[in-house]
Amino acid sequence: MSKSIAVGIDIGTYQTRVVAVESARDGERELPKVVGVGFAESRGLRHGYILSQSDAGKSVRQAVSQASKAAGFPITRAVVSIGGIGLSSFTSSGTVVITRADLEITELDVKKAIETSKEEIPASLSQNRKILHTVPLLFKVDGKAIMGKPEGLKGSKLEVRTLFITCFEHHMNDLLETLAEAGIEVEDLVAAPIAASLVTLTKQQKMAGVVLANIGSETVSIAVFENNLPISLEIFPIGSNDITNDIALGLRVPLEEAEDLKRGSVIGASYPRKKLEEIIEARLSDIFELVEAHLKKLGRSGLLPAGIVLTGGGSAIETVDDLAKASLRLPSRVASVSFGDNIRGQIKDASWSVAYGLCVLGLQNSDEETISGLTFVKQTRKGLMNFFRQFLP
């Protein structure tokens, strides 16, 4: 039986979370087990962007120290998420002429087509941005769409439509520098919604069509999937903190009390229940209107059979799934994540899905395999690692 270790670090605006997982392989069976977790209040961040590297670094060190103590070994390497308002996505198309005499499409032709689609990205979209993930969505051979990989087929022309998930380059550099100062070597850098999707969504859901919405403290991130591939990713600068602020203003209560009221942890309070519900529903409606507008842009409004899956701290609000169902006219549920038994530490709900998903990616990466269509492609290992991933159908 062989064992491997993976660590995921999720630096959110509200909390920094660290999860360490041990995977024991017994023949064909994989037995992942959470062996340590740690968390700390995030400092020095706004809308997911690091404003103070020293403050953010302290939060990382505190969370890593907890996880290291629980796991029983020092944590110095990790797969890390990147989120916040700097994340975005867009699609681009590219075409190449097949050069082999027998017209057989090779892996080189596929790479050239994807590279051509990258070159077609308008400068206004790519300026100051770094590509994190490259996702070929659709291949065409001589104008006809094909299922699966085009290698081995014959034709004179290969087209590809590609999704690029990007982040602000200075945002990424600040994150990597912060982790380096905290003594963490970054093995991989992953868009937070992609990491969360690996432990909150099933393959069946991603094949049918689903939107994953992570309601964080200051941002809401959504990732839309079809045919087991992400087709769009978007971040909105609104979150559950806005609900807390509305409650504090509407009921004239301190922020701490407003937070408890939002989570339903105040019992027997004299505040008008109807007014509280109206305040919460008004802000949640604003959030789901943004989601609906994005789905309309994609032509998927009311057309995702697997509906919307809610995660993040804001998904703990009592009526959130009912309101999502009514607003989007889609099936709705709050994500549930199974972290296994005998967890050493406090890990309870889907707000840990990003950190846990990073661990799943880390374990898979160690074996150079594919999970849910995700293939690891590392370009450089100079100092802090810069790389991009590719999704392959």
Protein backbone atom coordinates (compact mmCIF):
# COMPACT_ATOMS: atom_id res chain seq x y z
CA MET A 1 0.00 0.00 0.00
CA SER A 2 1.45 3.37 -1.05
CA LYS A 3 0.59 6.70 0.50
CA SER A 4 0.70 10.27 -0.70
CA ILE A 5 -0.04 13.63 0.91
CA ALA A 6 -1.72 16.73 -0.52
CA VAL A 7 -2.41 20.11 1.09
CA GLY A 8 -4.89 22.74 -0.07
CA ILE A 9 -4.87 26.40 0.98
CA ASP A 10 -7.90 28.59 0.35
CA ILE A 11 -7.32 32.27 1.17
CA GLY A 12 -10.82 33.70 1.31
CA THR A 13 -11.81 37.22 2.30
CA TYR A 14 -13.45 35.95 5.51
CA GLN A 15 -11.26 32.98 6.45
CA THR A 16 -8.03 31.31 5.40
CA ARG A 17 -8.51 27.54 5.39
CA VAL A 18 -5.93 24.77 5.16
CA VAL A 19 -6.72 21.08 4.64
CA ALA A 20 -4.19 18.23 4.61
CA VAL A 21 -5.21 14.92 3.06
CA GLU A 22 -3.51 11.55 3.05
CA SER A 23 -4.31 9.13 0.25
CA ALA A 24 -3.63 5.46 0.81
CA ARG A 25 -3.77 3.28 -2.30
CA ASP A 26 -4.53 -0.40 -1.91
CA GLY A 27 -4.40 -1.84 -5.41
CA GLU A 28 -7.07 -0.04 -7.45
CA ARG A 29 -8.77 1.50 -4.41
CA GLU A 30 -7.99 5.02 -3.26
CA LEU A 31 -8.70 5.87 0.36
CA PRO A 32 -8.41 9.64 0.90
CA LYS A 33 -8.49 10.82 4.48
CA VAL A 34 -8.39 14.31 6.00
CA VAL A 35 -5.57 14.26 8.55
CA GLY A 36 -5.36 17.93 9.51
CA VAL A 37 -7.18 21.22 9.10
CA GLY A 38 -6.49 24.78 10.17
CA PHE A 39 -8.20 28.12 9.81
CA ALA A 40 -7.68 31.75 10.70
CA GLU A 41 -9.49 35.02 10.19
CA SER A 42 -8.29 36.51 6.91
CA ARG A 43 -6.68 39.91 7.19
CA GLY A 44 -5.39 42.29 4.58
CA LEU A 45 -7.90 41.29 1.87
CA ARG A 46 -10.73 43.08 0.10
CA HIS A 47 -13.03 41.38 -2.43
CA GLY A 48 -10.52 38.52 -2.53
CA TYR A 49 -7.61 40.79 -3.44
CA ILE A 50 -4.57 41.05 -1.15
CA LEU A 51 -4.07 44.63 0.05
CA SER A 52 -1.53 43.85 2.78
CA GLN A 53 0.86 40.97 2.20
CA SER A 54 2.14 41.02 5.77
CA ASP A 55 -1.35 40.75 7.28
CA ALA A 56 -2.44 38.07 4.81
CA GLY A 57 0.80 36.18 5.48
CA LYS A 58 0.09 36.11 9.23
CA SER A 59 -3.31 34.52 8.55
CA VAL A 60 -1.70 31.89 6.34
CA ARG A 61 0.96 31.07 8.93
CA GLN A 62 -1.64 30.75 11.69
CA ALA A 63 -3.88 28.42 9.64
CA VAL A 64 -0.91 26.35 8.41
CA SER A 65 0.40 26.02 11.97
CA GLN A 66 -2.93 24.60 13.14
CA ALA A 67 -3.11 22.15 10.24
CA SER A 68 0.51 21.06 10.72
CA LYS A 69 -0.09 20.38 14.41
CA ALA A 70 -3.22 18.34 13.67
CA ALA A 71 -1.58 16.40 10.83
CA GLY A 72 1.62 15.72 12.73
CA PHE A 73 4.00 16.97 10.05
CA PRO A 74 5.22 20.41 8.87
CA ILE A 75 3.39 21.85 5.88
CA THR A 76 5.72 23.57 3.40
CA ARG A 77 4.02 22.86 0.02
CA ALA A 78 0.43 23.24 -1.10
CA VAL A 79 -2.01 23.56 -3.96
CA VAL A 80 -3.48 27.07 -3.65
CA SER A 81 -6.71 28.66 -4.87
CA ILE A 82 -7.03 32.08 -6.41
CA GLY A 83 -10.36 33.90 -6.32
CA GLY A 84 -11.80 37.37 -5.95
CA ILE A 85 -12.93 39.97 -8.43
CA GLY A 86 -9.78 39.56 -10.53
CA LEU A 87 -10.99 36.23 -11.93
CA SER A 88 -12.77 36.20 -15.26
CA SER A 89 -13.29 34.07 -18.37
CA PHE A 90 -13.84 34.51 -22.08
CA THR A 91 -13.98 32.34 -25.21
CA SER A 92 -12.00 32.58 -28.43
CA SER A 93 -11.78 30.54 -31.63
CA GLY A 94 -8.82 29.38 -33.71
CA THR A 95 -8.34 27.56 -37.02
CA VAL A 96 -5.36 25.71 -38.51
CA VAL A 97 -4.74 23.89 -41.79
CA ILE A 98 -3.65 20.26 -41.45
CA THR A 99 -0.14 19.92 -42.89
CA ARG A 100 0.40 16.14 -43.02
CA ALA A 101 0.23 14.63 -46.50
CA ASP A 102 -2.31 12.03 -45.39
CA LEU A 103 -4.39 14.80 -43.64
CA GLU A 104 -4.35 12.96 -40.29
CA ILE A 105 -4.79 15.31 -37.31
CA THR A 106 -1.99 15.06 -34.76
CA GLU A 107 -1.54 16.31 -31.22
CA LEU A 108 0.63 19.09 -32.62
CA ASP A 109 -2.27 20.29 -34.81
CA VAL A 110 -4.52 20.42 -31.73
CA LYS A 111 -1.95 22.45 -29.80
CA LYS A 112 -1.52 24.83 -32.75
CA ALA A 113 -5.29 25.36 -33.00
CA ILE A 114 -5.55 26.15 -29.28
CA GLU A 115 -2.55 28.48 -29.53
CA THR A 116 -4.19 30.23 -32.49
CA SER A 117 -7.36 30.76 -30.46
CA LYS A 118 -5.19 32.31 -27.74
CA GLU A 119 -3.63 34.68 -30.28
CA GLU A 120 -7.12 35.77 -31.36
CA ILE A 121 -7.94 37.13 -27.88
CA PRO A 122 -8.50 40.90 -28.11
CA ALA A 123 -5.81 42.94 -26.36
CA SER A 124 -8.51 44.71 -24.32
CA LEU A 125 -9.37 41.37 -22.67
CA SER A 126 -5.86 40.01 -22.16
CA GLN A 127 -4.04 43.14 -20.99
CA ASN A 128 -2.57 42.77 -17.46
CA ARG A 129 -4.03 39.25 -17.22
CA LYS A 130 -2.56 35.80 -16.81
CA ILE A 131 -4.21 32.68 -18.21
CA LEU A 132 -4.82 30.12 -15.46
CA HIS A 133 -6.82 27.48 -17.31
CA THR A 134 -7.27 26.70 -20.98
CA VAL A 135 -10.39 24.69 -21.79
CA PRO A 136 -11.05 23.42 -25.34
CA LEU A 137 -14.86 23.42 -25.55
CA LEU A 138 -15.54 22.28 -29.11
CA PHE A 139 -13.53 20.94 -32.04
CA LYS A 140 -14.63 21.01 -35.68
CA VAL A 141 -13.05 19.11 -38.57
CA ASP A 142 -13.83 20.64 -41.95
CA GLY A 143 -16.71 22.56 -40.38
CA LYS A 144 -18.32 19.55 -38.67
CA ALA A 145 -18.43 19.37 -34.86
CA ILE A 146 -16.90 16.21 -33.40
CA MET A 147 -17.25 14.46 -30.08
CA GLY A 148 -14.11 13.80 -28.07
CA LYS A 149 -10.54 14.26 -29.22
CA PRO A 150 -9.75 15.07 -32.86
CA GLU A 151 -6.39 13.28 -32.95
CA GLY A 152 -6.38 10.48 -35.51
CA LEU A 153 -9.22 11.89 -37.59
CA LYS A 154 -8.61 13.11 -41.14
CA GLY A 155 -9.47 16.51 -42.61
CA SER A 156 -8.01 19.61 -44.17
CA LYS A 157 -8.99 22.15 -41.49
CA LEU A 158 -9.27 22.00 -37.67
CA GLU A 159 -11.21 24.58 -35.65
CA VAL A 160 -11.44 24.94 -31.88
CA ARG A 161 -13.49 27.08 -29.53
CA THR A 162 -11.59 27.62 -26.28
CA LEU A 163 -12.48 28.97 -22.85
CA PHE A 164 -9.73 30.90 -21.09
CA ILE A 165 -9.96 31.46 -17.33
CA THR A 166 -7.76 34.38 -16.32
CA CYS A 167 -6.78 36.50 -13.35
CA PHE A 168 -5.04 39.84 -12.90
CA GLU A 169 -1.31 39.19 -13.15
CA HIS A 170 -0.44 41.49 -10.24
CA HIS A 171 -3.09 39.75 -8.11
CA MET A 172 -1.44 36.39 -8.81
CA ASN A 173 2.05 37.75 -8.11
CA ASP A 174 0.93 39.28 -4.80
CA LEU A 175 -0.61 35.95 -3.78
CA LEU A 176 2.51 33.97 -4.66
CA GLU A 177 4.77 36.45 -2.86
CA THR A 178 2.57 36.30 0.24
CA LEU A 179 2.76 32.50 0.33
CA ALA A 180 6.53 32.55 -0.24
CA GLU A 181 6.95 34.89 2.72
CA ALA A 182 4.81 32.48 4.79
CA GLY A 183 7.18 29.64 3.87
CA ILE A 184 4.83 27.87 1.45
CA GLU A 185 5.96 26.53 -1.93
CA VAL A 186 3.06 26.72 -4.38
CA GLU A 187 2.73 23.47 -6.30
CA ASP A 188 -0.27 24.55 -8.37
CA LEU A 189 -2.53 27.59 -8.61
CA VAL A 190 -6.22 26.90 -9.30
CA ALA A 191 -9.27 29.11 -9.81
CA ALA A 192 -11.36 28.68 -6.65
CA PRO A 193 -14.67 27.80 -8.41
CA ILE A 194 -12.94 25.03 -10.38
CA ALA A 195 -11.49 23.53 -7.18
CA ALA A 196 -14.86 23.67 -5.40
CA SER A 197 -16.65 22.00 -8.31
CA LEU A 198 -14.62 18.80 -7.92
CA VAL A 199 -16.15 18.00 -4.53
CA THR A 200 -19.58 19.67 -4.79
CA LEU A 201 -20.72 18.58 -8.26
CA THR A 202 -21.15 15.11 -9.73
CA LYS A 203 -20.16 14.14 -13.26
CA GLN A 204 -23.84 13.63 -14.04
CA GLN A 205 -24.64 17.20 -13.01
CA LYS A 206 -21.76 18.63 -15.03
CA MET A 207 -22.79 16.61 -18.08
CA ALA A 208 -26.43 17.74 -17.95
CA GLY A 209 -25.73 21.41 -17.20
CA VAL A 210 -25.35 23.10 -13.82
CA VAL A 211 -24.25 26.38 -12.25
CA LEU A 212 -22.18 26.34 -9.06
CA ALA A 213 -22.60 29.53 -7.01
CA ASN A 214 -20.20 30.22 -4.15
CA ILE A 215 -21.63 32.96 -1.92
CA GLY A 216 -18.63 34.33 -0.06
CA SER A 217 -18.37 37.22 2.36
CA GLU A 218 -17.57 39.89 -0.26
CA THR A 219 -17.92 38.12 -3.61
CA VAL A 220 -20.18 35.65 -5.38
CA SER A 221 -18.44 33.37 -7.87
CA ILE A 222 -20.31 31.26 -10.40
CA ALA A 223 -19.07 28.51 -12.70
CA VAL A 224 -21.34 27.06 -15.39
CA PHE A 225 -20.76 23.49 -16.61
CA GLU A 226 -22.03 21.51 -19.59
CA ASN A 227 -20.80 18.24 -21.10
CA ASN A 228 -18.52 17.88 -18.06
CA LEU A 229 -16.64 21.08 -18.97
CA PRO A 230 -16.71 24.59 -17.52
CA ILE A 231 -18.19 26.91 -20.16
CA SER A 232 -18.11 30.14 -18.15
CA LEU A 233 -16.81 31.63 -14.91
CA GLU A 234 -17.76 34.99 -13.40
CA ILE A 235 -17.25 36.90 -10.15
CA PHE A 236 -19.62 39.53 -8.72
CA PRO A 237 -18.49 42.12 -6.10
CA ILE A 238 -21.34 41.38 -3.71
CA GLY A 239 -21.55 38.89 -0.86
CA SER A 240 -23.06 37.84 2.43
CA ASN A 241 -21.43 40.76 4.26
CA ASP A 242 -23.80 43.02 2.33
CA ILE A 243 -26.71 41.13 3.89
CA THR A 244 -25.19 41.63 7.35
CA ASN A 245 -24.80 45.36 6.71
CA ASP A 246 -28.41 45.65 5.50
CA ILE A 247 -29.68 43.92 8.64
CA ALA A 248 -27.57 46.19 10.86
CA LEU A 249 -29.02 49.28 9.16
CA GLY A 250 -32.58 48.02 8.83
CA LEU A 251 -32.93 46.80 12.42
CA ARG A 252 -30.42 49.24 13.95
CA VAL A 253 -28.35 46.55 15.64
CA PRO A 254 -24.56 46.04 15.96
CA LEU A 255 -22.83 44.17 13.13
CA GLU A 256 -22.05 41.18 15.36
CA GLU A 257 -25.73 40.81 16.24
CA ALA A 258 -26.74 41.30 12.61
CA GLU A 259 -24.43 38.44 11.62
CA ASP A 260 -26.06 36.14 14.20
CA LEU A 261 -29.52 37.14 12.99
CA LYS A 262 -28.53 36.38 9.39
CA ARG A 263 -27.38 32.90 10.36
CA GLY A 264 -30.49 32.28 12.46
CA SER A 265 -28.49 31.71 15.65
CA VAL A 266 -30.44 34.27 17.73
CA ILE A 267 -33.37 32.60 19.49
CA GLY A 268 -36.21 34.40 21.20
CA ALA A 269 -35.18 37.84 19.95
CA SER A 270 -37.74 40.60 19.84
CA TYR A 271 -36.91 41.68 16.27
CA PRO A 272 -39.75 41.53 13.73
CA ARG A 273 -39.28 38.24 11.87
CA LYS A 274 -41.06 39.48 8.73
CA LYS A 275 -38.83 42.55 8.39
CA LEU A 276 -35.69 40.45 8.88
CA GLU A 277 -36.80 38.05 6.14
CA GLU A 278 -37.58 40.94 3.79
CA ILE A 279 -34.10 42.42 4.29
CA ILE A 280 -32.37 39.08 3.63
CA GLU A 281 -34.54 38.24 0.63
CA ALA A 282 -34.00 41.66 -0.96
CA ARG A 283 -30.21 41.28 -0.99
CA LEU A 284 -30.31 37.63 -2.05
CA SER A 285 -32.62 38.66 -4.90
CA ASP A 286 -29.96 41.15 -6.03
CA ILE A 287 -27.41 38.32 -6.09
CA PHE A 288 -29.62 35.95 -8.06
CA GLU A 289 -30.53 38.71 -10.53
CA LEU A 290 -26.83 38.98 -11.38
CA VAL A 291 -26.64 35.20 -11.83
CA GLU A 292 -29.75 35.23 -14.02
CA ALA A 293 -28.36 38.06 -16.19
CA HIS A 294 -25.17 36.06 -16.76
CA LEU A 295 -27.11 32.90 -17.67
CA LYS A 296 -29.17 34.95 -20.19
CA LYS A 297 -25.92 36.15 -21.78
CA LEU A 298 -24.89 32.50 -22.19
CA GLY A 299 -28.33 31.50 -23.49
CA ARG A 300 -28.79 29.14 -20.51
CA SER A 301 -31.52 30.96 -18.53
CA GLY A 302 -33.87 28.30 -17.17
CA LEU A 303 -32.10 25.66 -19.29
CA LEU A 304 -29.72 23.89 -16.89
CA PRO A 305 -31.30 20.52 -15.94
CA ALA A 306 -29.09 20.07 -12.86
CA GLY A 307 -30.01 23.56 -11.69
CA ILE A 308 -27.99 25.65 -9.27
CA VAL A 309 -25.80 24.28 -6.48
CA LEU A 310 -25.01 26.71 -3.66
CA THR A 311 -21.87 26.69 -1.58
CA GLY A 312 -19.77 29.09 0.50
CA GLY A 313 -20.58 30.68 3.84
CA GLY A 314 -23.66 32.47 2.47
CA SER A 315 -25.26 29.16 1.52
CA ALA A 316 -25.96 28.58 5.24
CA ILE A 317 -28.75 31.20 5.18
CA GLU A 318 -32.00 29.38 5.87
CA THR A 319 -34.07 30.38 2.82
CA VAL A 320 -31.31 30.68 0.22
CA ASP A 321 -32.15 27.58 -1.83
CA ASP A 322 -35.86 28.36 -2.02
CA LEU A 323 -35.17 31.90 -3.19
CA ALA A 324 -32.65 30.66 -5.78
CA LYS A 325 -35.23 28.21 -7.13
CA ALA A 326 -37.88 30.94 -7.45
CA SER A 327 -35.54 33.58 -8.91
CA LEU A 328 -33.78 31.39 -11.49
CA ARG A 329 -36.58 28.92 -12.30
CA LEU A 330 -34.10 26.09 -11.76
CA PRO A 331 -33.75 23.18 -9.35
CA SER A 332 -31.77 24.38 -6.34
CA ARG A 333 -29.88 22.79 -3.49
CA VAL A 334 -27.14 23.58 -1.00
CA ALA A 335 -23.96 21.61 -1.67
CA SER A 336 -23.05 18.78 0.64
CA VAL A 337 -19.47 17.58 0.88
CA SER A 338 -18.36 14.33 2.46
CA PHE A 339 -14.99 14.68 4.14
CA GLY A 340 -14.85 11.14 5.46
CA ASP A 341 -14.69 9.90 9.04
CA ASN A 342 -12.34 10.57 11.95
CA ILE A 343 -11.31 14.04 10.82
CA ARG A 344 -8.69 15.61 13.06
CA GLY A 345 -9.95 19.16 13.39
CA GLN A 346 -12.99 21.34 12.78
CA ILE A 347 -14.30 20.87 9.27
CA LYS A 348 -18.06 20.94 8.99
CA ASP A 349 -19.64 22.26 5.83
CA ALA A 350 -19.36 23.21 2.17
CA SER A 351 -17.47 26.42 2.99
CA TRP A 352 -14.44 24.10 3.09
CA SER A 353 -15.12 22.78 -0.42
CA VAL A 354 -12.42 24.88 -2.14
CA ALA A 355 -9.64 23.77 0.22
CA TYR A 356 -10.77 20.14 0.06
CA GLY A 357 -11.08 20.29 -3.75
CA LEU A 358 -7.49 21.55 -3.92
CA CYS A 359 -6.40 18.45 -2.02
CA VAL A 360 -8.23 16.20 -4.48
CA LEU A 361 -6.40 17.96 -7.31
CA GLY A 362 -3.10 17.63 -5.47
CA LEU A 363 -3.52 13.87 -5.04
CA GLN A 364 -4.52 13.44 -8.65
CA ASN A 365 -1.61 15.59 -9.83
CA SER A 366 0.86 13.39 -8.01
CA ASP A 367 -0.14 10.53 -10.31
CA GLU A 368 -0.36 12.63 -13.51
CA GLU A 369 -3.88 11.36 -14.14
CA THR A 370 -7.08 13.00 -15.27
CA ILE A 371 -10.04 13.81 -13.05
CA SER A 372 -13.32 15.13 -14.38
CA GLY A 373 -11.63 16.05 -17.64
CA LEU A 374 -8.86 18.00 -15.90
CA THR A 375 -5.29 17.40 -17.05
CA PHE A 376 -2.34 18.96 -15.27
CA VAL A 377 0.00 20.91 -17.52
CA LYS A 378 2.91 22.58 -15.74
CA GLN A 379 4.97 24.96 -17.81
CA THR A 380 7.68 26.18 -15.47
CA ARG A 381 9.14 25.47 -12.07
CA LYS A 382 11.33 28.54 -11.63
CA GLY A 383 11.01 29.75 -8.06
CA LEU A 384 7.30 30.25 -7.58
CA MET A 385 5.46 28.05 -10.02
CA ASN A 386 3.66 29.58 -12.97
CA PHE A 387 1.54 27.26 -15.02
CA PHE A 388 -1.74 26.73 -16.75
CA ARG A 389 -4.05 23.71 -16.88
CA GLN A 390 -5.92 22.27 -19.77
CA PHE A 391 -9.31 20.63 -19.81
CA LEU A 392 -9.66 17.98 -22.47
CA PRO A 393 -13.02 16.57 -23.56
